[in-house]
Every structure is written in structure tokens, then in C-alpha cells.
Amino acid sequence: MTQSDCELLEKLCRPYRDRNDDFKWIDESWISETEYGFILQLSQREKRLEILRDYGGSTALCRFLEAITKDTGILFVLFDRDEHVINNIHSFDW
């Protein structure tokens, strides 16, 4: 996850104004911020990945989420800053 991905997830886990309607608020309750990172609930995977792409999520993050959830039945992904980096997964130092 890039630093801009982290900033995006921080934004999406709280209600925010719609890009096209200043009077409409959006609440993406599928992202939860924890003390150490984020939990993403991906039961509607295609819709969730589309939202991330539309709001500027990195290609690396979207491809990672797509790869680990496609055809696996995985519904939740936990990003924890204190865990070890998984071998062969591209990571970012920031």
C-alpha cells in the first residue's frame, strides 16, 4: 500500500461529500480503520475495487486485492503496519 492509498482509505472510512453533489454524503462502511491499519470487507469485490480505482487507489493496491480475493472466498483483508511483509509482494517504504 502506498502512502496515498493510506490517505485514501482514511478518507473512505469516514463519511465524505460526493464528488458530483456537495449536498450528498457517502458512507463507505466497508473500510474500518484500526489502531494499526485497516480492515477491508470485500464481499462486493468488483464494486469495492471500482470505488478504489475511481478515487485514485494505486494500481498495486487494486491488483493485490483483486489477486488475493479472486476465486478464493476471502471477504476480509487486514492491513497491519506491525506485521511482516509477505515475500514476493511488492511493498512501499514510507
PDB file of N, CA and C in Angstrom:
ATOM      1  N   MET A   1       0.853  -1.169   0.000  1.00  0.00           N
ATOM      2  CA  MET A   1       0.000   0.000   0.000  1.00  0.00           C
ATOM      3  C   MET A   1       0.900   1.234   0.000  1.00  0.00           C
ATOM      4  N   THR A   2       0.582   2.176  -0.847  1.00  0.00           N
ATOM      5  CA  THR A   2       1.347   3.413  -0.902  1.00  0.00           C
ATOM      6  C   THR A   2       0.840   4.367   0.173  1.00  0.00           C
ATOM      7  N   GLN A   3       1.578   5.426   0.414  1.00  0.00           N
ATOM      8  CA  GLN A   3       1.142   6.424   1.381  1.00  0.00           C
ATOM      9  C   GLN A   3      -0.162   7.066   0.915  1.00  0.00           C
ATOM     10  N   SER A   4      -0.303   7.305  -0.386  1.00  0.00           N
ATOM     11  CA  SER A   4      -1.550   7.898  -0.882  1.00  0.00           C
ATOM     12  C   SER A   4      -2.719   6.920  -0.738  1.00  0.00           C
ATOM     13  N   ASP A   5      -2.460   5.596  -0.827  1.00  0.00           N
ATOM     14  CA  ASP A   5      -3.512   4.609  -0.567  1.00  0.00           C
ATOM     15  C   ASP A   5      -3.987   4.714   0.878  1.00  0.00           C
ATOM     16  N   CYS A   6      -3.046   4.863   1.793  1.00  0.00           N
ATOM     17  CA  CYS A   6      -3.381   5.000   3.208  1.00  0.00           C
ATOM     18  C   CYS A   6      -4.256   6.241   3.425  1.00  0.00           C
ATOM     19  N   GLU A   7      -3.871   7.340   2.820  1.00  0.00           N
ATOM     20  CA  GLU A   7      -4.653   8.573   2.949  1.00  0.00           C
ATOM     21  C   GLU A   7      -6.045   8.398   2.347  1.00  0.00           C
ATOM     22  N   LEU A   8      -6.138   7.689   1.228  1.00  0.00           N
ATOM     23  CA  LEU A   8      -7.434   7.430   0.608  1.00  0.00           C
ATOM     24  C   LEU A   8      -8.311   6.566   1.515  1.00  0.00           C
ATOM     25  N   LEU A   9      -7.753   5.499   2.085  1.00  0.00           N
ATOM     26  CA  LEU A   9      -8.529   4.635   2.967  1.00  0.00           C
ATOM     27  C   LEU A   9      -8.987   5.389   4.212  1.00  0.00           C
ATOM     28  N   GLU A  10      -8.136   6.287   4.726  1.00  0.00           N
ATOM     29  CA  GLU A  10      -8.543   7.127   5.863  1.00  0.00           C
ATOM     30  C   GLU A  10      -9.756   7.968   5.491  1.00  0.00           C
ATOM     31  N   LYS A  11      -9.757   8.498   4.280  1.00  0.00           N
ATOM     32  CA  LYS A  11     -10.885   9.312   3.822  1.00  0.00           C
ATOM     33  C   LYS A  11     -12.133   8.455   3.650  1.00  0.00           C
ATOM     34  N   LEU A  12     -11.986   7.300   3.008  1.00  0.00           N
ATOM     35  CA  LEU A  12     -13.148   6.478   2.687  1.00  0.00           C
ATOM     36  C   LEU A  12     -13.774   5.797   3.903  1.00  0.00           C
ATOM     37  N   CYS A  13     -13.040   5.689   4.995  1.00  0.00           N
ATOM     38  CA  CYS A  13     -13.608   5.020   6.168  1.00  0.00           C
ATOM     39  C   CYS A  13     -14.473   5.976   6.989  1.00  0.00           C
ATOM     40  N   ARG A  14     -14.522   7.245   6.588  1.00  0.00           N
ATOM     41  CA  ARG A  14     -15.378   8.240   7.247  1.00  0.00           C
ATOM     42  C   ARG A  14     -16.356   8.794   6.208  1.00  0.00           C
ATOM     43  N   PRO A  15     -17.527   9.253   6.639  1.00  0.00           N
ATOM     44  CA  PRO A  15     -18.437   9.872   5.661  1.00  0.00           C
ATOM     45  C   PRO A  15     -17.752  11.051   4.962  1.00  0.00           C
ATOM     46  N   TYR A  16     -17.971  11.169   3.662  1.00  0.00           N
ATOM     47  CA  TYR A  16     -17.361  12.243   2.882  1.00  0.00           C
ATOM     48  C   TYR A  16     -18.337  12.729   1.827  1.00  0.00           C
ATOM     49  N   ARG A  17     -18.121  13.916   1.317  1.00  0.00           N
ATOM     50  CA  ARG A  17     -19.008  14.505   0.305  1.00  0.00           C
ATOM     51  C   ARG A  17     -18.807  13.841  -1.056  1.00  0.00           C
ATOM     52  N   ASP A  18     -19.903  13.632  -1.746  1.00  0.00           N
ATOM     53  CA  ASP A  18     -19.877  13.081  -3.095  1.00  0.00           C
ATOM     54  C   ASP A  18     -19.130  14.047  -4.012  1.00  0.00           C
ATOM     55  N   ARG A  19     -18.338  13.523  -4.928  1.00  0.00           N
ATOM     56  CA  ARG A  19     -17.593  14.368  -5.864  1.00  0.00           C
ATOM     57  C   ARG A  19     -18.504  15.178  -6.776  1.00  0.00           C
ATOM     58  N   ASN A  20     -19.700  14.660  -7.056  1.00  0.00           N
ATOM     59  CA  ASN A  20     -20.597  15.308  -8.010  1.00  0.00           C
ATOM     60  C   ASN A  20     -21.743  16.070  -7.355  1.00  0.00           C
ATOM     61  N   ASP A  21     -21.904  15.966  -6.032  1.00  0.00           N
ATOM     62  CA  ASP A  21     -23.034  16.597  -5.353  1.00  0.00           C
ATOM     63  C   ASP A  21     -22.589  17.002  -3.947  1.00  0.00           C
ATOM     64  N   ASP A  22     -22.348  18.301  -3.744  1.00  0.00           N
ATOM     65  CA  ASP A  22     -21.849  18.789  -2.458  1.00  0.00           C
ATOM     66  C   ASP A  22     -22.823  18.543  -1.305  1.00  0.00           C
ATOM     67  N   PHE A  23     -24.085  18.267  -1.608  1.00  0.00           N
ATOM     68  CA  PHE A  23     -25.078  18.063  -0.562  1.00  0.00           C
ATOM     69  C   PHE A  23     -25.253  16.588  -0.206  1.00  0.00           C
ATOM     70  N   LYS A  24     -24.600  15.716  -0.946  1.00  0.00           N
ATOM     71  CA  LYS A  24     -24.721  14.280  -0.708  1.00  0.00           C
ATOM     72  C   LYS A  24     -23.475  13.770   0.010  1.00  0.00           C
ATOM     73  N   TRP A  25     -23.697  13.008   1.083  1.00  0.00           N
ATOM     74  CA  TRP A  25     -22.610  12.396   1.828  1.00  0.00           C
ATOM     75  C   TRP A  25     -22.580  10.914   1.538  1.00  0.00           C
ATOM     76  N   ILE A  26     -21.382  10.354   1.446  1.00  0.00           N
ATOM     77  CA  ILE A  26     -21.207   8.931   1.180  1.00  0.00           C
ATOM     78  C   ILE A  26     -20.552   8.303   2.396  1.00  0.00           C
ATOM     79  N   ASP A  27     -21.066   7.156   2.811  1.00  0.00           N
ATOM     80  CA  ASP A  27     -20.511   6.438   3.949  1.00  0.00           C
ATOM     81  C   ASP A  27     -20.096   5.053   3.478  1.00  0.00           C
ATOM     82  N   GLU A  28     -18.796   4.851   3.303  1.00  0.00           N
ATOM     83  CA  GLU A  28     -18.253   3.570   2.856  1.00  0.00           C
ATOM     84  C   GLU A  28     -17.964   2.700   4.073  1.00  0.00           C
ATOM     85  N   SER A  29     -18.965   2.054   4.585  1.00  0.00           N
ATOM     86  CA  SER A  29     -18.813   1.288   5.822  1.00  0.00           C
ATOM     87  C   SER A  29     -18.065  -0.025   5.622  1.00  0.00           C
ATOM     88  N   TRP A  30     -17.518  -0.259   4.450  1.00  0.00           N
ATOM     89  CA  TRP A  30     -16.760  -1.486   4.185  1.00  0.00           C
ATOM     90  C   TRP A  30     -15.279  -1.350   4.512  1.00  0.00           C
ATOM     91  N   ILE A  31     -14.871  -0.157   4.943  1.00  0.00           N
ATOM     92  CA  ILE A  31     -13.490   0.084   5.350  1.00  0.00           C
ATOM     93  C   ILE A  31     -13.492   0.503   6.810  1.00  0.00           C
ATOM     94  N   SER A  32     -12.716  -0.197   7.626  1.00  0.00           N
ATOM     95  CA  SER A  32     -12.602   0.149   9.046  1.00  0.00           C
ATOM     96  C   SER A  32     -11.154   0.460   9.358  1.00  0.00           C
ATOM     97  N   GLU A  33     -10.940   1.571  10.035  1.00  0.00           N
ATOM     98  CA  GLU A  33      -9.590   1.931  10.456  1.00  0.00           C
ATOM     99  C   GLU A  33      -9.349   1.346  11.845  1.00  0.00           C
ATOM    100  N   THR A  34      -8.177   0.771  12.038  1.00  0.00           N
ATOM    101  CA  THR A  34      -7.793   0.251  13.341  1.00  0.00           C
ATOM    102  C   THR A  34      -6.612   1.073  13.841  1.00  0.00           C
ATOM    103  N   GLU A  35      -6.166   0.780  15.031  1.00  0.00           N
ATOM    104  CA  GLU A  35      -5.012   1.486  15.578  1.00  0.00           C
ATOM    105  C   GLU A  35      -3.764   1.243  14.735  1.00  0.00           C
ATOM    106  N   TYR A  36      -3.716   0.106  14.044  1.00  0.00           N
ATOM    107  CA  TYR A  36      -2.521  -0.297  13.308  1.00  0.00           C
ATOM    108  C   TYR A  36      -2.682  -0.349  11.796  1.00  0.00           C
ATOM    109  N   GLY A  37      -3.863  -0.083  11.275  1.00  0.00           N
ATOM    110  CA  GLY A  37      -4.060  -0.168   9.830  1.00  0.00           C
ATOM    111  C   GLY A  37      -5.524  -0.137   9.445  1.00  0.00           C
ATOM    112  N   PHE A  38      -5.901  -1.034   8.550  1.00  0.00           N
ATOM    113  CA  PHE A  38      -7.260  -1.050   8.017  1.00  0.00           C
ATOM    114  C   PHE A  38      -7.760  -2.475   7.831  1.00  0.00           C
ATOM    115  N   ILE A  39      -9.066  -2.624   7.928  1.00  0.00           N
ATOM    116  CA  ILE A  39      -9.735  -3.866   7.564  1.00  0.00           C
ATOM    117  C   ILE A  39     -10.671  -3.517   6.423  1.00  0.00           C
ATOM    118  N   LEU A  40     -10.551  -4.243   5.317  1.00  0.00           N
ATOM    119  CA  LEU A  40     -11.424  -4.038   4.167  1.00  0.00           C
ATOM    120  C   LEU A  40     -12.346  -5.235   4.034  1.00  0.00           C
ATOM    121  N   GLN A  41     -13.637  -4.969   3.942  1.00  0.00           N
ATOM    122  CA  GLN A  41     -14.641  -6.005   3.766  1.00  0.00           C
ATOM    123  C   GLN A  41     -14.976  -6.006   2.277  1.00  0.00           C
ATOM    124  N   LEU A  42     -14.654  -7.094   1.582  1.00  0.00           N
ATOM    125  CA  LEU A  42     -14.717  -7.112   0.126  1.00  0.00           C
ATOM    126  C   LEU A  42     -15.764  -8.075  -0.429  1.00  0.00           C
ATOM    127  N   SER A  43     -16.916  -8.182   0.228  1.00  0.00           N
ATOM    128  CA  SER A  43     -17.935  -9.101  -0.272  1.00  0.00           C
ATOM    129  C   SER A  43     -18.472  -8.661  -1.632  1.00  0.00           C
ATOM    130  N   GLN A  44     -18.471  -7.381  -1.916  1.00  0.00           N
ATOM    131  CA  GLN A  44     -18.859  -6.878  -3.242  1.00  0.00           C
ATOM    132  C   GLN A  44     -17.590  -6.404  -3.944  1.00  0.00           C
ATOM    133  N   ARG A  45     -16.723  -7.342  -4.201  1.00  0.00           N
ATOM    134  CA  ARG A  45     -15.366  -7.082  -4.663  1.00  0.00           C
ATOM    135  C   ARG A  45     -15.291  -6.150  -5.864  1.00  0.00           C
ATOM    136  N   GLU A  46     -16.053  -6.429  -6.899  1.00  0.00           N
ATOM    137  CA  GLU A  46     -15.973  -5.607  -8.117  1.00  0.00           C
ATOM    138  C   GLU A  46     -16.346  -4.155  -7.833  1.00  0.00           C
ATOM    139  N   LYS A  47     -17.407  -3.949  -7.065  1.00  0.00           N
ATOM    140  CA  LYS A  47     -17.835  -2.585  -6.724  1.00  0.00           C
ATOM    141  C   LYS A  47     -16.786  -1.887  -5.874  1.00  0.00           C
ATOM    142  N   ARG A  48     -16.237  -2.603  -4.896  1.00  0.00           N
ATOM    143  CA  ARG A  48     -15.241  -2.011  -3.990  1.00  0.00           C
ATOM    144  C   ARG A  48     -13.970  -1.623  -4.753  1.00  0.00           C
ATOM    145  N   LEU A  49     -13.501  -2.484  -5.629  1.00  0.00           N
ATOM    146  CA  LEU A  49     -12.298  -2.174  -6.411  1.00  0.00           C
ATOM    147  C   LEU A  49     -12.554  -1.006  -7.360  1.00  0.00           C
ATOM    148  N   GLU A  50     -13.751  -0.922  -7.906  1.00  0.00           N
ATOM    149  CA  GLU A  50     -14.094   0.201  -8.779  1.00  0.00           C
ATOM    150  C   GLU A  50     -14.048   1.515  -8.002  1.00  0.00           C
ATOM    151  N   ILE A  51     -14.559   1.510  -6.773  1.00  0.00           N
ATOM    152  CA  ILE A  51     -14.513   2.716  -5.934  1.00  0.00           C
ATOM    153  C   ILE A  51     -13.065   3.110  -5.670  1.00  0.00           C
ATOM    154  N   LEU A  52     -12.227   2.145  -5.301  1.00  0.00           N
ATOM    155  CA  LEU A  52     -10.821   2.454  -5.052  1.00  0.00           C
ATOM    156  C   LEU A  52     -10.152   3.039  -6.288  1.00  0.00           C
ATOM    157  N   ARG A  53     -10.399   2.446  -7.440  1.00  0.00           N
ATOM    158  CA  ARG A  53      -9.800   2.963  -8.686  1.00  0.00           C
ATOM    159  C   ARG A  53     -10.304   4.372  -8.991  1.00  0.00           C
ATOM    160  N   ASP A  54     -11.623   4.580  -8.866  1.00  0.00           N
ATOM    161  CA  ASP A  54     -12.220   5.879  -9.173  1.00  0.00           C
ATOM    162  C   ASP A  54     -11.660   6.998  -8.300  1.00  0.00           C
ATOM    163  N   TYR A  55     -11.343   6.678  -7.056  1.00  0.00           N
ATOM    164  CA  TYR A  55     -10.853   7.700  -6.138  1.00  0.00           C
ATOM    165  C   TYR A  55      -9.322   7.758  -6.073  1.00  0.00           C
ATOM    166  N   GLY A  56      -8.651   7.040  -6.943  1.00  0.00           N
ATOM    167  CA  GLY A  56      -7.201   7.173  -7.059  1.00  0.00           C
ATOM    168  C   GLY A  56      -6.381   6.124  -6.336  1.00  0.00           C
ATOM    169  N   GLY A  57      -6.977   4.997  -5.980  1.00  0.00           N
ATOM    170  CA  GLY A  57      -6.205   3.915  -5.376  1.00  0.00           C
ATOM    171  C   GLY A  57      -5.128   3.447  -6.337  1.00  0.00           C
ATOM    172  N   SER A  58      -3.977   3.100  -5.817  1.00  0.00           N
ATOM    173  CA  SER A  58      -2.854   2.717  -6.678  1.00  0.00           C
ATOM    174  C   SER A  58      -3.155   1.422  -7.420  1.00  0.00           C
ATOM    175  N   THR A  59      -2.515   1.276  -8.557  1.00  0.00           N
ATOM    176  CA  THR A  59      -2.636   0.050  -9.336  1.00  0.00           C
ATOM    177  C   THR A  59      -2.143  -1.132  -8.516  1.00  0.00           C
ATOM    178  N   ALA A  60      -1.068  -0.922  -7.753  1.00  0.00           N
ATOM    179  CA  ALA A  60      -0.515  -2.008  -6.928  1.00  0.00           C
ATOM    180  C   ALA A  60      -1.531  -2.494  -5.904  1.00  0.00           C
ATOM    181  N   LEU A  61      -2.216  -1.583  -5.223  1.00  0.00           N
ATOM    182  CA  LEU A  61      -3.209  -1.972  -4.224  1.00  0.00           C
ATOM    183  C   LEU A  61      -4.377  -2.698  -4.870  1.00  0.00           C
ATOM    184  N   CYS A  62      -4.890  -2.152  -5.947  1.00  0.00           N
ATOM    185  CA  CYS A  62      -6.047  -2.765  -6.613  1.00  0.00           C
ATOM    186  C   CYS A  62      -5.706  -4.147  -7.170  1.00  0.00           C
ATOM    187  N   ARG A  63      -4.538  -4.278  -7.769  1.00  0.00           N
ATOM    188  CA  ARG A  63      -4.130  -5.589  -8.302  1.00  0.00           C
ATOM    189  C   ARG A  63      -3.928  -6.604  -7.180  1.00  0.00           C
ATOM    190  N   PHE A  64      -3.348  -6.162  -6.071  1.00  0.00           N
ATOM    191  CA  PHE A  64      -3.150  -7.047  -4.923  1.00  0.00           C
ATOM    192  C   PHE A  64      -4.495  -7.542  -4.398  1.00  0.00           C
ATOM    193  N   LEU A  65      -5.432  -6.631  -4.169  1.00  0.00           N
ATOM    194  CA  LEU A  65      -6.744  -7.016  -3.650  1.00  0.00           C
ATOM    195  C   LEU A  65      -7.479  -7.924  -4.624  1.00  0.00           C
ATOM    196  N   GLU A  66      -7.371  -7.619  -5.896  1.00  0.00           N
ATOM    197  CA  GLU A  66      -8.018  -8.449  -6.908  1.00  0.00           C
ATOM    198  C   GLU A  66      -7.422  -9.859  -6.916  1.00  0.00           C
ATOM    199  N   ALA A  67      -6.107  -9.942  -6.845  1.00  0.00           N
ATOM    200  CA  ALA A  67      -5.433 -11.238  -6.904  1.00  0.00           C
ATOM    201  C   ALA A  67      -5.749 -12.111  -5.699  1.00  0.00           C
ATOM    202  N   ILE A  68      -5.761 -11.527  -4.507  1.00  0.00           N
ATOM    203  CA  ILE A  68      -5.965 -12.376  -3.325  1.00  0.00           C
ATOM    204  C   ILE A  68      -7.432 -12.707  -3.065  1.00  0.00           C
ATOM    205  N   THR A  69      -8.359 -11.976  -3.688  1.00  0.00           N
ATOM    206  CA  THR A  69      -9.780 -12.255  -3.447  1.00  0.00           C
ATOM    207  C   THR A  69     -10.451 -13.003  -4.591  1.00  0.00           C
ATOM    208  N   LYS A  70      -9.854 -12.978  -5.759  1.00  0.00           N
ATOM    209  CA  LYS A  70     -10.470 -13.630  -6.917  1.00  0.00           C
ATOM    210  C   LYS A  70     -10.483 -15.147  -6.729  1.00  0.00           C
ATOM    211  N   ASP A  71     -11.657 -15.711  -6.764  1.00  0.00           N
ATOM    212  CA  ASP A  71     -11.847 -17.164  -6.700  1.00  0.00           C
ATOM    213  C   ASP A  71     -11.324 -17.808  -5.415  1.00  0.00           C
ATOM    214  N   THR A  72     -11.195 -17.036  -4.326  1.00  0.00           N
ATOM    215  CA  THR A  72     -10.666 -17.613  -3.087  1.00  0.00           C
ATOM    216  C   THR A  72     -11.699 -17.677  -1.972  1.00  0.00           C
ATOM    217  N   GLY A  73     -12.733 -16.853  -2.056  1.00  0.00           N
ATOM    218  CA  GLY A  73     -13.706 -16.784  -0.969  1.00  0.00           C
ATOM    219  C   GLY A  73     -13.276 -15.845   0.144  1.00  0.00           C
ATOM    220  N   ILE A  74     -12.134 -15.182   0.003  1.00  0.00           N
ATOM    221  CA  ILE A  74     -11.670 -14.230   1.010  1.00  0.00           C
ATOM    222  C   ILE A  74     -12.587 -13.006   0.976  1.00  0.00           C
ATOM    223  N   LEU A  75     -13.123 -12.643   2.131  1.00  0.00           N
ATOM    224  CA  LEU A  75     -14.029 -11.500   2.213  1.00  0.00           C
ATOM    225  C   LEU A  75     -13.446 -10.333   3.005  1.00  0.00           C
ATOM    226  N   PHE A  76     -12.435 -10.598   3.834  1.00  0.00           N
ATOM    227  CA  PHE A  76     -11.839  -9.544   4.655  1.00  0.00           C
ATOM    228  C   PHE A  76     -10.326  -9.542   4.458  1.00  0.00           C
ATOM    229  N   VAL A  77      -9.769  -8.329   4.357  1.00  0.00           N
ATOM    230  CA  VAL A  77      -8.323  -8.176   4.241  1.00  0.00           C
ATOM    231  C   VAL A  77      -7.892  -7.202   5.328  1.00  0.00           C
ATOM    232  N   LEU A  78      -6.902  -7.615   6.114  1.00  0.00           N
ATOM    233  CA  LEU A  78      -6.382  -6.781   7.192  1.00  0.00           C
ATOM    234  C   LEU A  78      -4.994  -6.288   6.813  1.00  0.00           C
ATOM    235  N   PHE A  79      -4.827  -4.976   6.813  1.00  0.00           N
ATOM    236  CA  PHE A  79      -3.517  -4.364   6.636  1.00  0.00           C
ATOM    237  C   PHE A  79      -3.065  -3.895   8.006  1.00  0.00           C
ATOM    238  N   ASP A  80      -1.949  -4.446   8.493  1.00  0.00           N
ATOM    239  CA  ASP A  80      -1.442  -4.151   9.825  1.00  0.00           C
ATOM    240  C   ASP A  80      -0.001  -3.683   9.697  1.00  0.00           C
ATOM    241  N   ARG A  81       0.258  -2.474  10.124  1.00  0.00           N
ATOM    242  CA  ARG A  81       1.594  -1.883   9.944  1.00  0.00           C
ATOM    243  C   ARG A  81       2.693  -2.617  10.688  1.00  0.00           C
ATOM    244  N   ASP A  82       2.338  -3.400  11.714  1.00  0.00           N
ATOM    245  CA  ASP A  82       3.352  -4.083  12.514  1.00  0.00           C
ATOM    246  C   ASP A  82       3.621  -5.519  12.079  1.00  0.00           C
ATOM    247  N   GLU A  83       2.913  -5.990  11.092  1.00  0.00           N
ATOM    248  CA  GLU A  83       3.129  -7.362  10.615  1.00  0.00           C
ATOM    249  C   GLU A  83       4.303  -7.409   9.644  1.00  0.00           C
ATOM    250  N   HIS A  84       4.802  -8.605   9.434  1.00  0.00           N
ATOM    251  CA  HIS A  84       5.901  -8.804   8.489  1.00  0.00           C
ATOM    252  C   HIS A  84       5.379  -8.652   7.060  1.00  0.00           C
ATOM    253  N   VAL A  85       6.242  -8.199   6.176  1.00  0.00           N
ATOM    254  CA  VAL A  85       5.902  -8.093   4.759  1.00  0.00           C
ATOM    255  C   VAL A  85       5.888  -9.495   4.165  1.00  0.00           C
ATOM    256  N   ILE A  86       4.877  -9.791   3.395  1.00  0.00           N
ATOM    257  CA  ILE A  86       4.759 -11.093   2.751  1.00  0.00           C
ATOM    258  C   ILE A  86       5.769 -11.180   1.616  1.00  0.00           C
ATOM    259  N   ASN A  87       6.514 -12.275   1.569  1.00  0.00           N
ATOM    260  CA  ASN A  87       7.501 -12.464   0.492  1.00  0.00           C
ATOM    261  C   ASN A  87       6.832 -12.396  -0.872  1.00  0.00           C
ATOM    262  N   ASN A  88       7.545 -11.844  -1.833  1.00  0.00           N
ATOM    263  CA  ASN A  88       7.109 -11.742  -3.233  1.00  0.00           C
ATOM    264  C   ASN A  88       5.926 -10.804  -3.437  1.00  0.00           C
ATOM    265  N   ILE A  89       5.593  -9.984  -2.453  1.00  0.00           N
ATOM    266  CA  ILE A  89       4.546  -8.978  -2.598  1.00  0.00           C
ATOM    267  C   ILE A  89       5.228  -7.625  -2.609  1.00  0.00           C
ATOM    268  N   HIS A  90       4.942  -6.833  -3.629  1.00  0.00           N
ATOM    269  CA  HIS A  90       5.551  -5.512  -3.746  1.00  0.00           C
ATOM    270  C   HIS A  90       5.117  -4.665  -2.548  1.00  0.00           C
ATOM    271  N   SER A  91       6.073  -4.016  -1.888  1.00  0.00           N
ATOM    272  CA  SER A  91       5.750  -3.151  -0.748  1.00  0.00           C
ATOM    273  C   SER A  91       6.413  -1.792  -0.946  1.00  0.00           C
ATOM    274  N   PHE A  92       5.951  -0.830  -0.160  1.00  0.00           N
ATOM    275  CA  PHE A  92       6.426   0.553  -0.273  1.00  0.00           C
ATOM    276  C   PHE A  92       6.929   1.018   1.084  1.00  0.00           C
ATOM    277  N   ASP A  93       8.106   1.639   1.107  1.00  0.00           N
ATOM    278  CA  ASP A  93       8.644   2.223   2.341  1.00  0.00           C
ATOM    279  C   ASP A  93       8.222   3.675   2.399  1.00  0.00           C
ATOM    280  N   TRP A  94       7.511   4.030   3.466  1.00  0.00           N
ATOM    281  CA  TRP A  94       7.138   5.435   3.664  1.00  0.00           C
ATOM    282  C   TRP A  94       6.905   5.720   5.120  1.00  0.00           C
TER     283      TRP A  94
END
